[in-house]
């Protein structure tokens, strides 16, 4: 990240990074994103009195037949569809890939109350990177039950940011974010006690570790029956979780990184695809292990022996 100063003819270093990891750009080429404003929300839907795109039920396009003739394309029910897509009526909204990077200004917050009835919002593929901005946006929609933040470059969360924050959210998608600590996932679980579906695929959660094993210093995958019997104390949150997607989360140990979830009382579907786990030890305990589990996905894993799978059905 160095340039030659035109006035002194000396090299000036602006930044340092690895090979092919940095570049210079003109300021006009940098996209800093937009705020999630009331106008942006409204722009997703056409006003009821806007000009029809299919007057007389005919679109301004034609379809070419096999015989080379043009056939008109009919579009019926445009007004009825439009009436059902007004923001005061819909409960779900998609705001995918709109370059959203921050919440609206304080002056516009009162206008956002117009959308407080929304129950599902999809913010995937935007430019959100700061949890404070994410939480500020979510606070504007207190009735949200489903949230997608997939493919945003948000990092780990601090306990200070989540202080006093609770939501009734039941479905949360955090796939392909920059989260790299399970502490962030635990904080989310504590603030969203109603979560039923949680997706964190393609995040590095290799720091998941059973506290019981860490305290005892044990690391053998085939021993320590005390570990199996006390695993229910490891993750107190997520008591309503039904689906958990941990695909490609850099997990390497079934005992230390998967079994901490074994006592979740409602867990029915566990997705572990593309993790480098090659061994599933047989639980050495009479306590229920994954008591409600009905679906287990292990695609892309190099399991050397499948004998322990049968024990999960016991």
Protein backbone atom coordinates (compact mmCIF):
# COMPACT_ATOMS: atom_id res chain seq x y z
CA UNK A 1 0.00 0.00 0.00
CA UNK A 2 2.73 2.47 -0.97
CA UNK A 3 2.88 5.41 -3.39
CA UNK A 4 5.53 7.93 -4.40
CA UNK A 5 4.81 11.43 -3.11
CA UNK A 6 4.89 13.89 -6.03
CA UNK A 7 6.26 16.75 -3.92
CA UNK A 8 9.05 14.88 -2.07
CA UNK A 9 9.61 11.99 -4.49
CA UNK A 10 9.66 9.66 -1.47
CA UNK A 11 7.73 6.47 -0.89
CA UNK A 12 4.75 6.92 1.43
CA UNK A 13 3.16 3.79 2.93
CA UNK A 14 -0.59 4.11 3.60
CA UNK A 15 -1.30 0.56 4.76
CA UNK A 16 0.26 -2.87 5.09
CA UNK A 17 -1.34 -6.19 4.20
CA UNK A 18 -0.62 -9.55 2.65
CA UNK A 19 -0.08 -10.17 -1.03
CA UNK A 20 -3.18 -9.53 -3.21
CA UNK A 21 -5.14 -8.40 -0.09
CA UNK A 22 -5.26 -4.66 -0.70
CA UNK A 23 -5.55 -2.08 -3.45
CA UNK A 24 -6.08 1.60 -4.12
CA UNK A 25 -9.46 2.82 -5.37
CA UNK A 26 -10.79 6.19 -6.38
CA UNK A 27 -13.20 7.50 -3.77
CA UNK A 28 -15.93 7.68 -6.40
CA UNK A 29 -15.66 3.90 -6.85
CA UNK A 30 -16.21 3.09 -3.16
CA UNK A 31 -19.73 1.99 -2.22
CA UNK A 32 -20.39 2.89 1.41
CA UNK A 33 -23.97 1.64 1.25
CA UNK A 34 -27.27 3.26 2.07
CA UNK A 35 -29.42 3.62 5.17
CA UNK A 36 -32.57 1.58 5.73
CA UNK A 37 -34.98 4.48 5.41
CA UNK A 38 -38.79 4.61 5.18
CA UNK A 39 -38.46 5.62 1.50
CA UNK A 40 -36.33 2.55 0.78
CA UNK A 41 -38.93 0.34 2.44
CA UNK A 42 -41.74 1.90 0.40
CA UNK A 43 -39.79 1.63 -2.85
CA UNK A 44 -40.07 -2.15 -2.70
CA UNK A 45 -43.75 -1.99 -3.64
CA UNK A 46 -45.80 -0.10 -6.22
CA UNK A 47 -48.34 2.43 -5.04
CA UNK A 48 -51.97 1.33 -5.59
CA UNK A 49 -52.66 4.25 -7.93
CA UNK A 50 -49.45 3.88 -9.97
CA UNK A 51 -49.68 3.37 -13.73
CA UNK A 52 -50.61 -0.19 -14.68
CA UNK A 53 -47.94 -2.25 -16.44
CA UNK A 54 -50.62 -4.37 -18.15
CA UNK A 55 -53.47 -2.12 -19.22
CA UNK A 56 -56.29 -4.15 -20.71
CA UNK A 57 -54.60 -7.19 -19.13
CA UNK A 58 -51.85 -7.24 -21.81
CA UNK A 59 -48.13 -6.91 -21.05
CA UNK A 60 -46.00 -4.79 -23.42
CA UNK A 61 -44.15 -7.94 -24.51
CA UNK A 62 -44.90 -10.81 -26.83
CA UNK A 63 -43.95 -14.49 -26.99
CA UNK A 64 -42.58 -15.94 -30.22
CA UNK A 65 -44.23 -19.20 -31.24
CA UNK A 66 -42.54 -22.12 -32.96
CA UNK A 67 -44.17 -20.99 -36.17
CA UNK A 68 -42.57 -17.54 -35.89
CA UNK A 69 -45.71 -15.67 -34.90
CA UNK A 70 -45.96 -13.20 -32.00
CA UNK A 71 -48.48 -14.02 -29.27
CA UNK A 72 -49.53 -11.38 -26.70
CA UNK A 73 -48.85 -12.12 -23.01
CA UNK A 74 -51.85 -11.65 -20.77
CA UNK A 75 -51.54 -10.58 -17.14
CA UNK A 76 -54.71 -10.86 -15.11
CA UNK A 77 -55.28 -9.67 -11.57
CA UNK A 78 -52.63 -6.92 -11.49
CA UNK A 79 -54.71 -4.61 -9.31
CA UNK A 80 -55.64 -7.42 -6.91
CA UNK A 81 -51.98 -8.46 -6.58
CA UNK A 82 -50.92 -4.85 -6.06
CA UNK A 83 -53.49 -4.36 -3.30
CA UNK A 84 -52.11 -7.39 -1.47
CA UNK A 85 -48.52 -6.11 -1.74
CA UNK A 86 -48.94 -2.87 0.14
CA UNK A 87 -46.67 -2.43 3.15
CA UNK A 88 -49.56 -1.88 5.51
CA UNK A 89 -50.87 -5.33 4.52
CA UNK A 90 -47.83 -7.57 4.01
CA UNK A 91 -46.10 -9.23 6.97
CA UNK A 92 -42.93 -10.32 5.13
CA UNK A 93 -40.50 -8.12 3.20
CA UNK A 94 -37.34 -8.87 1.23
CA UNK A 95 -34.56 -6.27 1.28
CA UNK A 96 -31.87 -8.49 -0.21
CA UNK A 97 -28.77 -7.01 -1.86
CA UNK A 98 -29.83 -3.37 -1.69
CA UNK A 99 -26.54 -2.09 -0.25
CA UNK A 100 -28.02 -1.46 3.20
CA UNK A 101 -25.19 -0.54 5.58
CA UNK A 102 -26.78 1.33 8.49
CA UNK A 103 -30.10 2.27 10.13
CA UNK A 104 -32.01 5.42 9.30
CA UNK A 105 -31.35 8.71 11.03
CA UNK A 106 -32.92 9.57 14.38
CA UNK A 107 -35.25 12.01 12.64
CA UNK A 108 -36.71 9.19 10.53
CA UNK A 109 -37.23 6.67 13.32
CA UNK A 110 -40.78 7.81 13.99
CA UNK A 111 -41.68 7.10 10.34
CA UNK A 112 -40.35 3.55 10.68
CA UNK A 113 -43.15 2.82 13.16
CA UNK A 114 -45.34 2.45 10.07
CA UNK A 115 -43.64 -0.92 9.49
CA UNK A 116 -43.60 -2.22 13.07
CA UNK A 117 -46.18 -4.89 12.19
CA UNK A 118 -43.72 -6.80 9.96
CA UNK A 119 -43.04 -10.36 11.11
CA UNK A 120 -40.32 -11.36 8.64
CA UNK A 121 -37.46 -9.38 7.11
CA UNK A 122 -34.74 -10.61 4.73
CA UNK A 123 -31.58 -8.49 4.85
CA UNK A 124 -29.28 -11.03 3.19
CA UNK A 125 -26.43 -9.88 0.98
CA UNK A 126 -26.25 -6.29 2.20
CA UNK A 127 -23.32 -4.24 3.55
CA UNK A 128 -24.02 -4.55 7.28
CA UNK A 129 -20.83 -4.99 9.28
CA UNK A 130 -21.47 -3.55 12.73
CA UNK A 131 -23.73 -5.33 15.25
CA UNK A 132 -24.74 -1.98 16.75
CA UNK A 133 -26.22 -1.05 13.36
CA UNK A 134 -27.90 -4.45 13.04
CA UNK A 135 -29.47 -4.23 16.49
CA UNK A 136 -30.61 -0.66 15.86
CA UNK A 137 -32.45 -1.89 12.77
CA UNK A 138 -33.99 -4.87 14.56
CA UNK A 139 -35.23 -2.67 17.40
CA UNK A 140 -37.42 -0.88 14.87
CA UNK A 141 -39.31 -4.13 14.18
CA UNK A 142 -40.32 -5.47 17.57
CA UNK A 143 -42.69 -8.12 16.18
CA UNK A 144 -40.16 -9.88 13.96
CA UNK A 145 -40.34 -13.65 14.08
CA UNK A 146 -38.00 -14.36 11.15
CA UNK A 147 -34.75 -12.54 10.31
CA UNK A 148 -32.11 -13.27 7.68
CA UNK A 149 -28.71 -11.57 7.95
CA UNK A 150 -26.93 -14.07 5.72
CA UNK A 151 -23.93 -12.94 3.66
CA UNK A 152 -23.39 -9.72 5.62
CA UNK A 153 -19.87 -9.14 6.94
CA UNK A 154 -20.92 -8.81 10.57
CA UNK A 155 -18.33 -9.91 13.11
CA UNK A 156 -18.46 -11.09 16.71
CA UNK A 157 -20.86 -9.62 19.21
CA UNK A 158 -20.07 -8.09 22.59
CA UNK A 159 -22.18 -8.57 25.69
CA UNK A 160 -22.38 -4.79 26.09
CA UNK A 161 -24.13 -4.47 22.72
CA UNK A 162 -26.78 -7.02 23.69
CA UNK A 163 -27.48 -5.58 27.15
CA UNK A 164 -31.23 -5.23 27.56
CA UNK A 165 -31.93 -6.51 24.03
CA UNK A 166 -34.64 -9.15 23.59
CA UNK A 167 -36.74 -10.16 20.62
CA UNK A 168 -39.46 -12.76 19.96
CA UNK A 169 -37.58 -13.99 16.88
CA UNK A 170 -38.14 -17.67 16.07
CA UNK A 171 -36.01 -18.03 12.90
CA UNK A 172 -32.55 -16.51 12.43
CA UNK A 173 -30.24 -16.96 9.44
CA UNK A 174 -26.58 -16.00 9.97
CA UNK A 175 -25.08 -18.11 7.17
CA UNK A 176 -21.84 -16.85 5.60
CA UNK A 177 -21.21 -14.01 8.05
CA UNK A 178 -17.87 -13.14 9.69
CA UNK A 179 -18.85 -14.59 13.07
CA UNK A 180 -15.87 -16.50 14.45
CA UNK A 181 -16.79 -17.22 18.07
CA UNK A 182 -19.48 -19.34 19.65
CA UNK A 183 -19.73 -16.74 22.41
CA UNK A 184 -21.61 -14.59 19.89
CA UNK A 185 -24.07 -17.41 19.23
CA UNK A 186 -24.65 -17.88 22.97
CA UNK A 187 -25.35 -14.16 23.42
CA UNK A 188 -27.89 -14.34 20.61
CA UNK A 189 -29.53 -17.38 22.20
CA UNK A 190 -29.88 -15.58 25.52
CA UNK A 191 -31.47 -12.54 23.85
CA UNK A 192 -33.78 -14.58 21.62
CA UNK A 193 -35.15 -17.30 23.92
CA UNK A 194 -37.92 -18.25 21.44
CA UNK A 195 -35.53 -19.27 18.66
CA UNK A 196 -36.69 -22.41 16.87
CA UNK A 197 -34.45 -22.31 13.79
CA UNK A 198 -30.84 -21.10 13.78
CA UNK A 199 -28.55 -21.26 10.73
CA UNK A 200 -24.87 -20.34 11.11
CA UNK A 201 -23.37 -22.30 8.21
CA UNK A 202 -19.97 -21.25 6.84
CA UNK A 203 -18.95 -19.48 10.06
CA UNK A 204 -15.85 -20.48 12.05
CA UNK A 205 -17.22 -21.87 15.32
CA UNK A 206 -14.22 -24.05 16.14
CA UNK A 207 -14.08 -22.55 19.64
CA UNK A 208 -17.16 -24.53 20.71
CA UNK A 209 -15.84 -26.57 23.60
CA UNK A 210 -17.40 -28.62 26.38
CA UNK A 211 -16.61 -26.89 29.67
CA UNK A 212 -16.64 -30.22 31.48
CA UNK A 213 -13.88 -31.60 29.29
CA UNK A 214 -11.88 -28.40 29.53
CA UNK A 215 -12.00 -28.45 33.33
CA UNK A 216 -11.04 -32.09 33.64
CA UNK A 217 -8.32 -31.86 31.01
CA UNK A 218 -9.70 -34.91 29.19
CA UNK A 219 -9.38 -35.16 25.43
CA UNK A 220 -9.89 -38.83 24.58
CA UNK A 221 -12.97 -39.27 22.38
CA UNK A 222 -13.68 -42.75 23.79
CA UNK A 223 -13.48 -42.15 27.53
CA UNK A 224 -14.78 -40.06 30.44
CA UNK A 225 -18.35 -41.20 31.03
CA UNK A 226 -18.77 -38.30 33.48
CA UNK A 227 -18.60 -36.01 30.48
CA UNK A 228 -21.54 -37.64 28.74
CA UNK A 229 -23.75 -37.58 31.84
CA UNK A 230 -23.11 -33.91 32.58
CA UNK A 231 -23.25 -32.53 29.05
CA UNK A 232 -26.70 -31.05 29.61
CA UNK A 233 -25.19 -28.12 31.53
CA UNK A 234 -23.04 -26.89 28.65
CA UNK A 235 -25.47 -24.75 26.64
CA UNK A 236 -28.35 -23.44 28.77
CA UNK A 237 -29.84 -21.32 25.94
CA UNK A 238 -31.72 -22.60 22.88
CA UNK A 239 -34.26 -24.57 24.90
CA UNK A 240 -36.85 -24.11 22.11
CA UNK A 241 -34.47 -24.79 19.22
CA UNK A 242 -35.88 -27.25 16.66
CA UNK A 243 -33.40 -26.83 13.77
CA UNK A 244 -29.68 -26.05 13.98
CA UNK A 245 -27.46 -25.69 10.90
CA UNK A 246 -23.72 -25.89 11.67
CA UNK A 247 -22.57 -26.78 8.14
CA UNK A 248 -18.95 -25.94 7.35
CA UNK A 249 -18.26 -24.42 10.78
CA UNK A 250 -14.72 -25.83 11.17
CA UNK A 251 -15.86 -28.47 13.66
CA UNK A 252 -13.43 -31.35 14.20
CA UNK A 253 -14.63 -33.14 17.36
CA UNK A 254 -18.02 -34.75 17.86
CA UNK A 255 -17.44 -35.07 21.59
CA UNK A 256 -16.22 -31.54 22.29
CA UNK A 257 -18.14 -29.55 19.69
CA UNK A 258 -21.34 -31.44 18.86
CA UNK A 259 -22.27 -33.20 22.09
CA UNK A 260 -22.73 -29.92 23.98
CA UNK A 261 -26.03 -29.71 22.06
CA UNK A 262 -27.11 -33.26 22.94
CA UNK A 263 -29.52 -32.26 25.71
CA UNK A 264 -31.43 -29.56 23.85
CA UNK A 265 -34.97 -30.76 24.60
CA UNK A 266 -36.67 -29.73 21.33
CA UNK A 267 -33.90 -30.23 18.75
CA UNK A 268 -35.26 -32.28 15.83
CA UNK A 269 -32.94 -31.42 12.93
CA UNK A 270 -29.15 -31.09 13.16
CA UNK A 271 -27.15 -30.21 10.02
CA UNK A 272 -23.39 -30.81 10.22
CA UNK A 273 -22.45 -31.03 6.55
CA UNK A 274 -18.86 -30.35 5.43
CA UNK A 275 -17.20 -30.43 8.85
CA UNK A 276 -13.95 -32.34 9.37
CA UNK A 277 -15.31 -34.83 11.89
CA UNK A 278 -14.06 -38.36 11.21
CA UNK A 279 -15.27 -40.16 14.34
CA UNK A 280 -18.53 -40.35 16.29
CA UNK A 281 -17.92 -41.95 19.70
CA UNK A 282 -20.61 -44.13 21.22
CA UNK A 283 -22.11 -42.26 24.22
CA UNK A 284 -21.19 -43.90 27.52
CA UNK A 285 -24.26 -42.82 29.46
CA UNK A 286 -27.84 -43.80 30.19
CA UNK A 287 -29.00 -40.19 29.93
CA UNK A 288 -31.01 -39.25 26.81
CA UNK A 289 -28.79 -38.07 23.94
CA UNK A 290 -30.54 -35.80 21.43
CA UNK A 291 -33.93 -36.92 22.79
CA UNK A 292 -36.05 -35.40 19.97
CA UNK A 293 -33.60 -35.70 17.06
CA UNK A 294 -35.31 -36.91 13.87
CA UNK A 295 -32.93 -35.68 11.16
CA UNK A 296 -29.12 -35.67 11.10
CA UNK A 297 -27.21 -34.49 8.02
CA UNK A 298 -23.53 -35.49 7.72
CA UNK A 299 -22.79 -34.91 4.01
CA UNK A 300 -19.17 -34.15 3.16
CA UNK A 301 -17.78 -35.71 6.36
CA UNK A 302 -15.19 -38.49 6.54
CA UNK A 303 -16.83 -40.69 9.16
CA UNK A 304 -14.67 -43.79 9.64
CA UNK A 305 -17.30 -45.82 11.49
CA UNK A 306 -21.08 -45.53 11.53
CA UNK A 307 -21.70 -47.74 14.57
CA UNK A 308 -22.42 -44.76 16.83
CA UNK A 309 -25.27 -43.60 14.59
CA UNK A 310 -27.34 -46.58 15.70
CA UNK A 311 -26.78 -45.65 19.33
CA UNK A 312 -28.33 -42.22 18.68
CA UNK A 313 -31.57 -44.03 17.79
CA UNK A 314 -31.67 -45.86 21.13
